[in-house]
């Protein structure tokens, strides 16, 4: 009885408020999409991961030259 009442309510809301129903449907499916979409992109579409952005600048392998003329003296 409860399921029949819920299905008729859902059918009415789909006709009257489709945006709300689709928003709830996409929101409920998003945890599954987190797992499925990257696998589809990697295996079937051939899209590789973007390389990570470097977080530091590489230090050169030479002696540091101290600049002249910029002291507070």
PDB file of N, CA and C in Angstrom:
ATOM      1  N   UNK A   1       0.816  -1.192   0.000  1.00  0.00           N
ATOM      2  CA  UNK A   1       0.000   0.000   0.000  1.00  0.00           C
ATOM      3  C   UNK A   1       0.859   1.255   0.000  1.00  0.00           C
ATOM      4  N   UNK A   2       1.915   1.240   0.806  1.00  0.00           N
ATOM      5  CA  UNK A   2       2.765   2.421   0.905  1.00  0.00           C
ATOM      6  C   UNK A   2       3.509   2.646  -0.405  1.00  0.00           C
ATOM      7  N   UNK A   3       4.003   1.566  -1.023  1.00  0.00           N
ATOM      8  CA  UNK A   3       4.737   1.718  -2.272  1.00  0.00           C
ATOM      9  C   UNK A   3       3.834   2.240  -3.382  1.00  0.00           C
ATOM     10  N   UNK A   4       2.596   1.784  -3.433  1.00  0.00           N
ATOM     11  CA  UNK A   4       1.657   2.274  -4.444  1.00  0.00           C
ATOM     12  C   UNK A   4       1.376   3.755  -4.276  1.00  0.00           C
ATOM     13  N   UNK A   5       1.261   4.194  -3.041  1.00  0.00           N
ATOM     14  CA  UNK A   5       1.031   5.609  -2.774  1.00  0.00           C
ATOM     15  C   UNK A   5       2.273   6.428  -3.148  1.00  0.00           C
ATOM     16  N   UNK A   6       3.456   5.897  -2.850  1.00  0.00           N
ATOM     17  CA  UNK A   6       4.696   6.591  -3.176  1.00  0.00           C
ATOM     18  C   UNK A   6       4.896   6.682  -4.682  1.00  0.00           C
ATOM     19  N   UNK A   7       4.590   5.605  -5.407  1.00  0.00           N
ATOM     20  CA  UNK A   7       4.779   5.636  -6.860  1.00  0.00           C
ATOM     21  C   UNK A   7       3.822   6.617  -7.525  1.00  0.00           C
ATOM     22  N   UNK A   8       2.592   6.713  -7.038  1.00  0.00           N
ATOM     23  CA  UNK A   8       1.671   7.693  -7.619  1.00  0.00           C
ATOM     24  C   UNK A   8       2.116   9.115  -7.275  1.00  0.00           C
ATOM     25  N   UNK A   9       2.655   9.320  -6.074  1.00  0.00           N
ATOM     26  CA  UNK A   9       3.177  10.639  -5.701  1.00  0.00           C
ATOM     27  C   UNK A   9       4.370  10.999  -6.577  1.00  0.00           C
ATOM     28  N   UNK A  10       5.258  10.039  -6.796  1.00  0.00           N
ATOM     29  CA  UNK A  10       6.435  10.279  -7.631  1.00  0.00           C
ATOM     30  C   UNK A  10       6.037  10.572  -9.072  1.00  0.00           C
ATOM     31  N   UNK A  11       5.049   9.865  -9.592  1.00  0.00           N
ATOM     32  CA  UNK A  11       4.560  10.115 -10.940  1.00  0.00           C
ATOM     33  C   UNK A  11       3.983  11.522 -11.046  1.00  0.00           C
ATOM     34  N   UNK A  12       3.226  11.949 -10.051  1.00  0.00           N
ATOM     35  CA  UNK A  12       2.644  13.292 -10.072  1.00  0.00           C
ATOM     36  C   UNK A  12       3.737  14.354  -9.988  1.00  0.00           C
ATOM     37  N   UNK A  13       4.742  14.125  -9.148  1.00  0.00           N
ATOM     38  CA  UNK A  13       5.829  15.095  -9.033  1.00  0.00           C
ATOM     39  C   UNK A  13       6.668  15.145 -10.309  1.00  0.00           C
ATOM     40  N   UNK A  14       6.796  14.029 -10.995  1.00  0.00           N
ATOM     41  CA  UNK A  14       7.532  14.016 -12.257  1.00  0.00           C
ATOM     42  C   UNK A  14       6.837  14.872 -13.302  1.00  0.00           C
ATOM     43  N   UNK A  15       5.519  14.851 -13.308  1.00  0.00           N
ATOM     44  CA  UNK A  15       4.773  15.668 -14.265  1.00  0.00           C
ATOM     45  C   UNK A  15       4.727  17.135 -13.845  1.00  0.00           C
ATOM     46  N   UNK A  16       4.607  17.393 -12.545  1.00  0.00           N
ATOM     47  CA  UNK A  16       4.451  18.770 -12.079  1.00  0.00           C
ATOM     48  C   UNK A  16       5.781  19.478 -11.836  1.00  0.00           C
ATOM     49  N   UNK A  17       6.756  18.784 -11.306  1.00  0.00           N
ATOM     50  CA  UNK A  17       8.060  19.372 -10.972  1.00  0.00           C
ATOM     51  C   UNK A  17       9.195  18.497 -11.499  1.00  0.00           C
ATOM     52  N   UNK A  18       9.403  18.454 -12.807  1.00  0.00           N
ATOM     53  CA  UNK A  18      10.447  17.560 -13.326  1.00  0.00           C
ATOM     54  C   UNK A  18      11.858  17.973 -12.898  1.00  0.00           C
ATOM     55  N   UNK A  19      12.086  19.264 -12.691  1.00  0.00           N
ATOM     56  CA  UNK A  19      13.420  19.721 -12.304  1.00  0.00           C
ATOM     57  C   UNK A  19      13.796  19.172 -10.933  1.00  0.00           C
ATOM     58  N   UNK A  20      12.855  19.175 -10.017  1.00  0.00           N
ATOM     59  CA  UNK A  20      13.122  18.682  -8.670  1.00  0.00           C
ATOM     60  C   UNK A  20      13.396  17.179  -8.704  1.00  0.00           C
ATOM     61  N   UNK A  21      12.610  16.446  -9.462  1.00  0.00           N
ATOM     62  CA  UNK A  21      12.781  14.992  -9.527  1.00  0.00           C
ATOM     63  C   UNK A  21      14.132  14.641 -10.155  1.00  0.00           C
ATOM     64  N   UNK A  22      14.509  15.314 -11.247  1.00  0.00           N
ATOM     65  CA  UNK A  22      15.793  15.036 -11.879  1.00  0.00           C
ATOM     66  C   UNK A  22      16.953  15.453 -10.982  1.00  0.00           C
ATOM     67  N   UNK A  23      16.792  16.539 -10.235  1.00  0.00           N
ATOM     68  CA  UNK A  23      17.848  16.961  -9.315  1.00  0.00           C
ATOM     69  C   UNK A  23      18.076  15.915  -8.231  1.00  0.00           C
ATOM     70  N   UNK A  24      17.003  15.381  -7.694  1.00  0.00           N
ATOM     71  CA  UNK A  24      17.125  14.342  -6.670  1.00  0.00           C
ATOM     72  C   UNK A  24      17.734  13.073  -7.264  1.00  0.00           C
ATOM     73  N   UNK A  25      17.326  12.716  -8.479  1.00  0.00           N
ATOM     74  CA  UNK A  25      17.862  11.508  -9.116  1.00  0.00           C
ATOM     75  C   UNK A  25      19.368  11.641  -9.376  1.00  0.00           C
ATOM     76  N   UNK A  26      19.799  12.790  -9.892  1.00  0.00           N
ATOM     77  CA  UNK A  26      21.230  12.991 -10.139  1.00  0.00           C
ATOM     78  C   UNK A  26      22.012  13.079  -8.833  1.00  0.00           C
ATOM     79  N   UNK A  27      21.427  13.705  -7.828  1.00  0.00           N
ATOM     80  CA  UNK A  27      22.089  13.791  -6.533  1.00  0.00           C
ATOM     81  C   UNK A  27      22.269  12.437  -5.884  1.00  0.00           C
ATOM     82  N   UNK A  28      21.297  11.564  -6.033  1.00  0.00           N
ATOM     83  CA  UNK A  28      21.403  10.222  -5.447  1.00  0.00           C
ATOM     84  C   UNK A  28      22.377   9.336  -6.223  1.00  0.00           C
ATOM     85  N   UNK A  29      22.548   9.605  -7.517  1.00  0.00           N
ATOM     86  CA  UNK A  29      23.450   8.771  -8.311  1.00  0.00           C
ATOM     87  C   UNK A  29      24.893   9.276  -8.285  1.00  0.00           C
ATOM     88  N   UNK A  30      25.156  10.437  -7.695  1.00  0.00           N
ATOM     89  CA  UNK A  30      26.511  10.990  -7.729  1.00  0.00           C
ATOM     90  C   UNK A  30      27.545  10.144  -6.983  1.00  0.00           C
ATOM     91  N   UNK A  31      27.242   9.490  -5.847  1.00  0.00           N
ATOM     92  CA  UNK A  31      28.274   8.632  -5.247  1.00  0.00           C
ATOM     93  C   UNK A  31      28.698   7.481  -6.170  1.00  0.00           C
ATOM     94  N   UNK A  32      27.780   6.951  -6.932  1.00  0.00           N
ATOM     95  CA  UNK A  32      28.125   5.901  -7.885  1.00  0.00           C
ATOM     96  C   UNK A  32      28.950   6.468  -9.039  1.00  0.00           C
ATOM     97  N   UNK A  33      28.637   7.691  -9.461  1.00  0.00           N
ATOM     98  CA  UNK A  33      29.370   8.311 -10.562  1.00  0.00           C
ATOM     99  C   UNK A  33      30.830   8.576 -10.198  1.00  0.00           C
ATOM    100  N   UNK A  34      31.110   8.830  -8.928  1.00  0.00           N
ATOM    101  CA  UNK A  34      32.486   9.068  -8.488  1.00  0.00           C
ATOM    102  C   UNK A  34      33.352   7.849  -8.773  1.00  0.00           C
ATOM    103  N   UNK A  35      32.796   6.678  -8.679  1.00  0.00           N
ATOM    104  CA  UNK A  35      33.545   5.444  -8.912  1.00  0.00           C
ATOM    105  C   UNK A  35      33.549   5.061 -10.392  1.00  0.00           C
ATOM    106  N   UNK A  36      32.422   5.223 -11.073  1.00  0.00           N
ATOM    107  CA  UNK A  36      32.258   4.702 -12.427  1.00  0.00           C
ATOM    108  C   UNK A  36      32.863   5.614 -13.493  1.00  0.00           C
ATOM    109  N   UNK A  37      32.666   6.921 -13.391  1.00  0.00           N
ATOM    110  CA  UNK A  37      33.069   7.832 -14.467  1.00  0.00           C
ATOM    111  C   UNK A  37      34.580   7.838 -14.710  1.00  0.00           C
ATOM    112  N   UNK A  38      35.448   7.910 -13.692  1.00  0.00           N
ATOM    113  CA  UNK A  38      36.885   7.871 -14.005  1.00  0.00           C
ATOM    114  C   UNK A  38      37.321   6.586 -14.701  1.00  0.00           C
ATOM    115  N   UNK A  39      36.724   5.454 -14.344  1.00  0.00           N
ATOM    116  CA  UNK A  39      37.069   4.187 -14.997  1.00  0.00           C
ATOM    117  C   UNK A  39      36.640   4.207 -16.462  1.00  0.00           C
ATOM    118  N   UNK A  40      35.467   4.735 -16.753  1.00  0.00           N
ATOM    119  CA  UNK A  40      35.001   4.826 -18.142  1.00  0.00           C
ATOM    120  C   UNK A  40      35.906   5.756 -18.939  1.00  0.00           C
ATOM    121  N   UNK A  41      36.259   6.902 -18.352  1.00  0.00           N
ATOM    122  CA  UNK A  41      37.129   7.842 -19.053  1.00  0.00           C
ATOM    123  C   UNK A  41      38.491   7.221 -19.346  1.00  0.00           C
ATOM    124  N   UNK A  42      39.033   6.480 -18.393  1.00  0.00           N
ATOM    125  CA  UNK A  42      40.367   5.897 -18.551  1.00  0.00           C
ATOM    126  C   UNK A  42      40.359   4.712 -19.511  1.00  0.00           C
ATOM    127  N   UNK A  43      39.402   3.796 -19.348  1.00  0.00           N
ATOM    128  CA  UNK A  43      39.430   2.544 -20.107  1.00  0.00           C
ATOM    129  C   UNK A  43      38.817   2.657 -21.498  1.00  0.00           C
ATOM    130  N   UNK A  44      37.701   3.352 -21.623  1.00  0.00           N
ATOM    131  CA  UNK A  44      36.971   3.346 -22.886  1.00  0.00           C
ATOM    132  C   UNK A  44      37.213   4.588 -23.737  1.00  0.00           C
ATOM    133  N   UNK A  45      37.449   5.727 -23.110  1.00  0.00           N
ATOM    134  CA  UNK A  45      37.649   6.952 -23.876  1.00  0.00           C
ATOM    135  C   UNK A  45      39.116   7.295 -24.071  1.00  0.00           C
ATOM    136  N   UNK A  46      40.005   6.660 -23.321  1.00  0.00           N
ATOM    137  CA  UNK A  46      41.437   6.883 -23.469  1.00  0.00           C
ATOM    138  C   UNK A  46      41.918   8.223 -22.939  1.00  0.00           C
ATOM    139  N   UNK A  47      41.181   8.831 -22.042  1.00  0.00           N
ATOM    140  CA  UNK A  47      41.572  10.116 -21.484  1.00  0.00           C
ATOM    141  C   UNK A  47      42.494   9.859 -20.293  1.00  0.00           C
ATOM    142  N   UNK A  48      43.723  10.365 -20.386  1.00  0.00           N
ATOM    143  CA  UNK A  48      44.699  10.147 -19.318  1.00  0.00           C
ATOM    144  C   UNK A  48      44.544  11.218 -18.243  1.00  0.00           C
ATOM    145  N   UNK A  49      45.103  10.930 -17.076  1.00  0.00           N
ATOM    146  CA  UNK A  49      45.071  11.911 -15.991  1.00  0.00           C
ATOM    147  C   UNK A  49      45.949  13.100 -16.331  1.00  0.00           C
ATOM    148  N   UNK A  50      45.572  14.243 -15.847  1.00  0.00           N
ATOM    149  CA  UNK A  50      46.357  15.453 -16.041  1.00  0.00           C
ATOM    150  C   UNK A  50      47.560  15.395 -15.101  1.00  0.00           C
ATOM    151  N   UNK A  51      48.766  15.718 -15.600  1.00  0.00           N
ATOM    152  CA  UNK A  51      49.918  15.687 -14.708  1.00  0.00           C
ATOM    153  C   UNK A  51      49.756  16.710 -13.580  1.00  0.00           C
ATOM    154  N   UNK A  52      50.284  16.362 -12.417  1.00  0.00           N
ATOM    155  CA  UNK A  52      50.146  17.244 -11.270  1.00  0.00           C
ATOM    156  C   UNK A  52      50.999  18.499 -11.439  1.00  0.00           C
ATOM    157  N   UNK A  53      50.511  19.603 -10.894  1.00  0.00           N
ATOM    158  CA  UNK A  53      51.223  20.870 -10.955  1.00  0.00           C
ATOM    159  C   UNK A  53      52.371  20.824  -9.951  1.00  0.00           C
ATOM    160  N   UNK A  54      53.583  21.248 -10.349  1.00  0.00           N
ATOM    161  CA  UNK A  54      54.694  21.241  -9.400  1.00  0.00           C
ATOM    162  C   UNK A  54      54.417  22.199  -8.239  1.00  0.00           C
ATOM    163  N   UNK A  55      54.784  21.785  -7.046  1.00  0.00           N
ATOM    164  CA  UNK A  55      54.532  22.627  -5.877  1.00  0.00           C
ATOM    165  C   UNK A  55      55.759  23.421  -5.454  1.00  0.00           C
ATOM    166  N   UNK A  56      56.910  23.164  -6.047  1.00  0.00           N
ATOM    167  CA  UNK A  56      58.108  23.926  -5.710  1.00  0.00           C
ATOM    168  C   UNK A  56      58.943  24.123  -6.968  1.00  0.00           C
ATOM    169  N   UNK A  57      59.811  25.096  -6.909  1.00  0.00           N
ATOM    170  CA  UNK A  57      60.705  25.387  -8.020  1.00  0.00           C
ATOM    171  C   UNK A  57      61.979  24.576  -7.843  1.00  0.00           C
ATOM    172  N   UNK A  58      62.507  23.944  -8.897  1.00  0.00           N
ATOM    173  CA  UNK A  58      63.717  23.130  -8.732  1.00  0.00           C
ATOM    174  C   UNK A  58      64.928  24.003  -8.379  1.00  0.00           C
ATOM    175  N   UNK A  59      65.734  23.541  -7.443  1.00  0.00           N
ATOM    176  CA  UNK A  59      66.928  24.269  -7.014  1.00  0.00           C
ATOM    177  C   UNK A  59      68.060  23.938  -7.982  1.00  0.00           C
ATOM    178  N   UNK A  60      68.749  24.972  -8.509  1.00  0.00           N
ATOM    179  CA  UNK A  60      69.836  24.696  -9.459  1.00  0.00           C
ATOM    180  C   UNK A  60      71.038  24.066  -8.760  1.00  0.00           C
ATOM    181  N   UNK A  61      71.794  23.285  -9.516  1.00  0.00           N
ATOM    182  CA  UNK A  61      72.983  22.593  -8.992  1.00  0.00           C
ATOM    183  C   UNK A  61      74.232  23.442  -9.228  1.00  0.00           C
ATOM    184  N   UNK A  62      74.291  24.611  -8.604  1.00  0.00           N
ATOM    185  CA  UNK A  62      75.454  25.493  -8.725  1.00  0.00           C
ATOM    186  C   UNK A  62      75.521  26.358  -7.472  1.00  0.00           C
ATOM    187  N   UNK A  63      76.631  27.042  -7.334  1.00  0.00           N
ATOM    188  CA  UNK A  63      76.783  27.934  -6.185  1.00  0.00           C
ATOM    189  C   UNK A  63      75.897  29.163  -6.370  1.00  0.00           C
ATOM    190  N   UNK A  64      75.347  29.643  -5.279  1.00  0.00           N
ATOM    191  CA  UNK A  64      74.460  30.807  -5.341  1.00  0.00           C
ATOM    192  C   UNK A  64      75.296  32.075  -5.437  1.00  0.00           C
ATOM    193  N   UNK A  65      74.959  32.950  -6.385  1.00  0.00           N
ATOM    194  CA  UNK A  65      75.648  34.221  -6.543  1.00  0.00           C
ATOM    195  C   UNK A  65      74.821  35.289  -5.829  1.00  0.00           C
ATOM    196  N   UNK A  66      75.424  35.914  -4.828  1.00  0.00           N
ATOM    197  CA  UNK A  66      74.717  36.935  -4.058  1.00  0.00           C
ATOM    198  C   UNK A  66      74.707  38.230  -4.868  1.00  0.00           C
ATOM    199  N   UNK A  67      73.541  38.834  -5.100  1.00  0.00           N
ATOM    200  CA  UNK A  67      73.489  40.073  -5.875  1.00  0.00           C
ATOM    201  C   UNK A  67      74.119  41.237  -5.101  1.00  0.00           C
ATOM    202  N   UNK A  68      74.817  42.088  -5.820  1.00  0.00           N
ATOM    203  CA  UNK A  68      75.488  43.234  -5.203  1.00  0.00           C
ATOM    204  C   UNK A  68      74.671  44.499  -5.447  1.00  0.00           C
ATOM    205  N   UNK A  69      74.770  45.440  -4.501  1.00  0.00           N
ATOM    206  CA  UNK A  69      74.123  46.729  -4.678  1.00  0.00           C
ATOM    207  C   UNK A  69      72.711  46.808  -4.142  1.00  0.00           C
ATOM    208  N   UNK A  70      72.241  45.790  -3.461  1.00  0.00           N
ATOM    209  CA  UNK A  70      70.880  45.812  -2.941  1.00  0.00           C
ATOM    210  C   UNK A  70      70.844  45.775  -1.420  1.00  0.00           C
ATOM    211  N   UNK A  71      71.959  46.038  -0.764  1.00  0.00           N
ATOM    212  CA  UNK A  71      72.010  45.998   0.695  1.00  0.00           C
ATOM    213  C   UNK A  71      71.457  47.290   1.278  1.00  0.00           C
ATOM    214  N   UNK A  72      71.144  47.269   2.575  1.00  0.00           N
ATOM    215  CA  UNK A  72      70.608  48.448   3.247  1.00  0.00           C
ATOM    216  C   UNK A  72      71.701  49.334   3.826  1.00  0.00           C
ATOM    217  N   UNK A  73      72.935  49.084   3.553  1.00  0.00           N
ATOM    218  CA  UNK A  73      74.043  49.852   4.131  1.00  0.00           C
ATOM    219  C   UNK A  73      74.195  51.198   3.488  1.00  0.00           C
TER     220      UNK A  73
END
